[in-house]
Structures are given as C-alpha cells and as structure tokens.
Amino acid sequence: MLWTLLLAAPLVAWAGVTYDDAFFKEHYSRIVKAQPTFPNGTPLLPSVTSKSPENFATAVLTQTDPTKVSYDEETAYIEIRGEDIQPLYVEVKYFRAVSLSWATGRILVIRRDIGHVAGMEEVLDILGRRWLSQTAVLYGPE
C-alpha cells in the first residue's frame, strides 16, 4: 500500500498540468541583436530589476501597461547586463503577465501568464546566449 502511494504521489502533484514544446511556438520569446525600444507615447509599467545570485548579472524588465494595451499587443523587453557579459536583449510578446527569476547566477527563468488555461516557461543561459528550454504550460481541470 505504501509503495502504491509513493508511486502515485507525483502523478497527483502534476494532475491537470501538461508541458508542450510546440504549442505556442510561434510566440516564444526571442533574443534580439540590438536594444529594442518602445515608440514614444507607449504606455509602460515601471521597469522591474532582478539581480542574479551574487550580483553576477542584472535583468531589467520593461513592459507595456496591460490596462492600456490590448492583450494581443502586449510587449516586454528584457535587458541583461553584467560586468563580465556583453549586454543581452530579449523580446517577449503575447502575454497577460510576465515575471523573471534566477535559477542560478547565469540561468534566467522567464514566466508568462497567457490566460487561465496556459502559460510559458522559458529558461535562458545568459553566458551561452541561448535558450535551454522554451515550453508552453497548459492547465487542465483539476
């Protein structure tokens, strides 16, 4: 009986959540070569700064104001800087909310809420300047 509970526990914890590498693929964030800017007059939220562990790098998230910009036009730019890295720029589109967190000093996690049934998790190696993972998260009935 205990063995059955131990095997079933992970299934219960993930019930209703599906990860898909192809769903919303056309809306994945992208690394851009130059620092993107918003046109003058674009309504923006205040920028949010996130420092990596040991302050190796800093990510600054600037996004459009969701109360003034329609859902399908939402845009965010992330600028990543550090003493020992060249600036890295990321463009994020198609979201209701976006947030940043650091997995390690060099690994940035970008989470996007797309709606009550979907989201995105993207993992970026800032030193390698490459995506480690870009995955849609689909929430089903619990």
C-alpha atoms as a PDB file:
ATOM      1  CA  MET A   1       0.000   0.000   0.000  1.00  0.00           C
ATOM      2  CA  LEU A   2       2.771   2.459   0.919  1.00  0.00           C
ATOM      3  CA  TRP A   3       4.572   1.669  -2.355  1.00  0.00           C
ATOM      4  CA  THR A   4       1.405   2.488  -4.344  1.00  0.00           C
ATOM      5  CA  LEU A   5       1.044   5.835  -2.550  1.00  0.00           C
ATOM      6  CA  LEU A   6       4.666   6.740  -3.215  1.00  0.00           C
ATOM      7  CA  LEU A   7       4.303   5.964  -6.917  1.00  0.00           C
ATOM      8  CA  ALA A   8       1.009   7.849  -7.213  1.00  0.00           C
ATOM      9  CA  ALA A   9       2.125  10.967  -5.317  1.00  0.00           C
ATOM     10  CA  PRO A  10       3.991  12.583  -8.247  1.00  0.00           C
ATOM     11  CA  LEU A  11       1.021  11.965 -10.535  1.00  0.00           C
ATOM     12  CA  VAL A  12      -1.345  13.764  -8.191  1.00  0.00           C
ATOM     13  CA  ALA A  13       1.015  16.713  -7.829  1.00  0.00           C
ATOM     14  CA  TRP A  14       1.088  17.201 -11.616  1.00  0.00           C
ATOM     15  CA  ALA A  15      -2.545  16.345 -12.352  1.00  0.00           C
ATOM     16  CA  GLY A  16      -4.027  18.819 -14.816  1.00  0.00           C
ATOM     17  CA  VAL A  17      -0.672  20.275 -15.994  1.00  0.00           C
ATOM     18  CA  THR A  18       0.763  19.478 -19.427  1.00  0.00           C
ATOM     19  CA  TYR A  19       4.070  20.700 -20.865  1.00  0.00           C
ATOM     20  CA  ASP A  20       4.318  21.102 -24.633  1.00  0.00           C
ATOM     21  CA  ASP A  21       7.394  22.241 -26.579  1.00  0.00           C
ATOM     22  CA  ALA A  22       5.463  23.014 -29.777  1.00  0.00           C
ATOM     23  CA  PHE A  23       2.275  24.698 -28.512  1.00  0.00           C
ATOM     24  CA  PHE A  24       2.531  28.498 -28.942  1.00  0.00           C
ATOM     25  CA  LYS A  25       5.973  28.002 -30.504  1.00  0.00           C
ATOM     26  CA  GLU A  26       5.409  30.995 -32.781  1.00  0.00           C
ATOM     27  CA  HIS A  27       5.040  33.138 -29.634  1.00  0.00           C
ATOM     28  CA  TYR A  28       8.216  32.099 -27.843  1.00  0.00           C
ATOM     29  CA  SER A  29      10.457  34.934 -26.691  1.00  0.00           C
ATOM     30  CA  ARG A  30      13.427  35.727 -28.855  1.00  0.00           C
ATOM     31  CA  ILE A  31      16.917  37.075 -28.365  1.00  0.00           C
ATOM     32  CA  VAL A  32      17.433  40.243 -30.415  1.00  0.00           C
ATOM     33  CA  LYS A  33      20.741  41.767 -31.561  1.00  0.00           C
ATOM     34  CA  ALA A  34      20.173  45.387 -30.595  1.00  0.00           C
ATOM     35  CA  GLN A  35      18.497  47.036 -27.626  1.00  0.00           C
ATOM     36  CA  PRO A  36      14.808  47.338 -28.532  1.00  0.00           C
ATOM     37  CA  THR A  37      12.873  50.465 -27.618  1.00  0.00           C
ATOM     38  CA  PHE A  38       9.206  51.313 -27.379  1.00  0.00           C
ATOM     39  CA  PRO A  39       7.783  54.065 -29.591  1.00  0.00           C
ATOM     40  CA  ASN A  40       7.293  57.416 -27.856  1.00  0.00           C
ATOM     41  CA  GLY A  41       3.992  57.601 -26.020  1.00  0.00           C
ATOM     42  CA  THR A  42       3.704  53.844 -25.433  1.00  0.00           C
ATOM     43  CA  PRO A  43       2.077  53.306 -22.019  1.00  0.00           C
ATOM     44  CA  LEU A  44       4.550  51.374 -19.856  1.00  0.00           C
ATOM     45  CA  LEU A  45       4.643  49.905 -16.383  1.00  0.00           C
ATOM     46  CA  PRO A  46       7.596  50.904 -14.196  1.00  0.00           C
ATOM     47  CA  SER A  47      10.651  48.766 -15.016  1.00  0.00           C
ATOM     48  CA  VAL A  48      11.431  45.860 -12.697  1.00  0.00           C
ATOM     49  CA  THR A  49      15.038  44.959 -11.878  1.00  0.00           C
ATOM     50  CA  SER A  50      16.085  41.444 -10.902  1.00  0.00           C
ATOM     51  CA  LYS A  51      19.633  40.731  -9.731  1.00  0.00           C
ATOM     52  CA  SER A  52      21.145  37.284 -10.099  1.00  0.00           C
ATOM     53  CA  PRO A  53      22.682  35.492  -7.131  1.00  0.00           C
ATOM     54  CA  GLU A  54      25.945  37.150  -6.061  1.00  0.00           C
ATOM     55  CA  ASN A  55      25.006  40.092  -8.358  1.00  0.00           C
ATOM     56  CA  PHE A  56      26.680  38.470 -11.376  1.00  0.00           C
ATOM     57  CA  ALA A  57      24.082  39.982 -13.738  1.00  0.00           C
ATOM     58  CA  THR A  58      21.046  42.216 -13.663  1.00  0.00           C
ATOM     59  CA  ALA A  59      17.898  41.775 -15.748  1.00  0.00           C
ATOM     60  CA  VAL A  60      15.666  44.787 -16.310  1.00  0.00           C
ATOM     61  CA  LEU A  61      12.110  44.058 -17.475  1.00  0.00           C
ATOM     62  CA  THR A  62      10.150  46.842 -19.163  1.00  0.00           C
ATOM     63  CA  GLN A  63       6.649  46.084 -20.396  1.00  0.00           C
ATOM     64  CA  THR A  64       3.598  47.762 -21.798  1.00  0.00           C
ATOM     65  CA  ASP A  65       0.785  48.681 -19.420  1.00  0.00           C
ATOM     66  CA  PRO A  66      -1.843  45.905 -19.665  1.00  0.00           C
ATOM     67  CA  THR A  67      -4.617  48.286 -18.617  1.00  0.00           C
ATOM     68  CA  LYS A  68      -3.941  50.417 -21.696  1.00  0.00           C
ATOM     69  CA  VAL A  69      -2.551  47.978 -24.267  1.00  0.00           C
ATOM     70  CA  SER A  70      -4.640  45.111 -25.608  1.00  0.00           C
ATOM     71  CA  TYR A  71      -3.713  41.548 -24.751  1.00  0.00           C
ATOM     72  CA  ASP A  72      -2.550  40.674 -28.270  1.00  0.00           C
ATOM     73  CA  GLU A  73      -0.308  43.774 -28.402  1.00  0.00           C
ATOM     74  CA  GLU A  74       1.431  43.304 -25.035  1.00  0.00           C
ATOM     75  CA  THR A  75       5.204  43.537 -25.348  1.00  0.00           C
ATOM     76  CA  ALA A  76       8.106  43.363 -22.919  1.00  0.00           C
ATOM     77  CA  TYR A  77      11.814  43.874 -23.352  1.00  0.00           C
ATOM     78  CA  ILE A  78      14.421  42.389 -21.059  1.00  0.00           C
ATOM     79  CA  GLU A  79      17.902  43.854 -20.897  1.00  0.00           C
ATOM     80  CA  ILE A  80      20.526  41.687 -19.190  1.00  0.00           C
ATOM     81  CA  ARG A  81      23.832  43.242 -18.172  1.00  0.00           C
ATOM     82  CA  GLY A  82      26.794  42.280 -16.064  1.00  0.00           C
ATOM     83  CA  GLU A  83      30.411  43.186 -15.608  1.00  0.00           C
ATOM     84  CA  ASP A  84      31.625  40.004 -17.282  1.00  0.00           C
ATOM     85  CA  ILE A  85      28.992  39.624 -20.027  1.00  0.00           C
ATOM     86  CA  GLN A  86      28.007  41.505 -23.149  1.00  0.00           C
ATOM     87  CA  PRO A  87      24.502  43.003 -22.925  1.00  0.00           C
ATOM     88  CA  LEU A  88      21.787  40.567 -23.932  1.00  0.00           C
ATOM     89  CA  TYR A  89      18.340  41.660 -25.124  1.00  0.00           C
ATOM     90  CA  VAL A  90      15.137  39.610 -25.181  1.00  0.00           C
ATOM     91  CA  GLU A  91      11.772  40.455 -26.734  1.00  0.00           C
ATOM     92  CA  VAL A  92       8.658  38.938 -25.156  1.00  0.00           C
ATOM     93  CA  LYS A  93       5.191  39.140 -26.701  1.00  0.00           C
ATOM     94  CA  TYR A  94       1.756  37.605 -26.243  1.00  0.00           C
ATOM     95  CA  PHE A  95       1.109  37.511 -22.507  1.00  0.00           C
ATOM     96  CA  ARG A  96      -1.090  38.823 -19.733  1.00  0.00           C
ATOM     97  CA  ALA A  97       1.725  38.952 -17.180  1.00  0.00           C
ATOM     98  CA  VAL A  98       5.457  38.282 -17.264  1.00  0.00           C
ATOM     99  CA  SER A  99       7.956  37.712 -14.449  1.00  0.00           C
ATOM    100  CA  LEU A 100      11.648  36.933 -14.030  1.00  0.00           C
ATOM    101  CA  SER A 101      13.578  34.804 -11.564  1.00  0.00           C
ATOM    102  CA  TRP A 102      17.087  33.400 -11.428  1.00  0.00           C
ATOM    103  CA  ALA A 103      17.733  29.666 -11.227  1.00  0.00           C
ATOM    104  CA  THR A 104      21.486  30.305 -10.864  1.00  0.00           C
ATOM    105  CA  GLY A 105      23.820  33.217 -11.472  1.00  0.00           C
ATOM    106  CA  ARG A 106      23.759  32.535 -15.204  1.00  0.00           C
ATOM    107  CA  ILE A 107      20.312  30.979 -15.741  1.00  0.00           C
ATOM    108  CA  LEU A 108      17.325  33.333 -16.078  1.00  0.00           C
ATOM    109  CA  VAL A 109      13.772  31.978 -15.965  1.00  0.00           C
ATOM    110  CA  ILE A 110      11.039  33.921 -17.762  1.00  0.00           C
ATOM    111  CA  ARG A 111       7.467  33.016 -16.840  1.00  0.00           C
ATOM    112  CA  ARG A 112       4.474  34.255 -18.771  1.00  0.00           C
ATOM    113  CA  ASP A 113       0.819  34.008 -17.955  1.00  0.00           C
ATOM    114  CA  ILE A 114      -1.118  33.685 -21.190  1.00  0.00           C
ATOM    115  CA  GLY A 115      -4.505  33.186 -19.584  1.00  0.00           C
ATOM    116  CA  HIS A 116      -6.267  30.966 -17.106  1.00  0.00           C
ATOM    117  CA  VAL A 117      -5.509  27.854 -19.186  1.00  0.00           C
ATOM    118  CA  ALA A 118      -1.942  28.422 -20.391  1.00  0.00           C
ATOM    119  CA  GLY A 119       1.434  29.889 -19.603  1.00  0.00           C
ATOM    120  CA  MET A 120       5.044  29.769 -20.748  1.00  0.00           C
ATOM    121  CA  GLU A 121       8.289  28.868 -19.029  1.00  0.00           C
ATOM    122  CA  GLU A 122      11.484  29.868 -20.775  1.00  0.00           C
ATOM    123  CA  VAL A 123      14.976  29.195 -19.463  1.00  0.00           C
ATOM    124  CA  LEU A 124      17.859  31.280 -20.794  1.00  0.00           C
ATOM    125  CA  ASP A 125      21.596  30.716 -20.351  1.00  0.00           C
ATOM    126  CA  ILE A 126      22.856  34.307 -20.328  1.00  0.00           C
ATOM    127  CA  LEU A 127      26.518  33.354 -20.763  1.00  0.00           C
ATOM    128  CA  GLY A 128      25.873  30.889 -23.579  1.00  0.00           C
ATOM    129  CA  ARG A 129      23.333  33.359 -25.018  1.00  0.00           C
ATOM    130  CA  ARG A 130      20.971  30.504 -25.810  1.00  0.00           C
ATOM    131  CA  TRP A 131      17.658  29.027 -24.763  1.00  0.00           C
ATOM    132  CA  LEU A 132      17.864  25.933 -22.592  1.00  0.00           C
ATOM    133  CA  SER A 133      14.103  25.456 -22.703  1.00  0.00           C
ATOM    134  CA  GLN A 134      11.007  27.152 -24.096  1.00  0.00           C
ATOM    135  CA  THR A 135       7.861  25.324 -23.077  1.00  0.00           C
ATOM    136  CA  ALA A 136       4.136  26.017 -23.005  1.00  0.00           C
ATOM    137  CA  VAL A 137       2.365  25.045 -19.798  1.00  0.00           C
ATOM    138  CA  LEU A 138      -1.278  24.029 -20.240  1.00  0.00           C
ATOM    139  CA  TYR A 139      -3.563  23.878 -17.216  1.00  0.00           C
ATOM    140  CA  GLY A 140      -6.433  21.418 -17.409  1.00  0.00           C
ATOM    141  CA  PRO A 141      -9.237  20.684 -14.997  1.00  0.00           C
ATOM    142  CA  GLU A 142      -8.051  19.569 -11.569  1.00  0.00           C
END
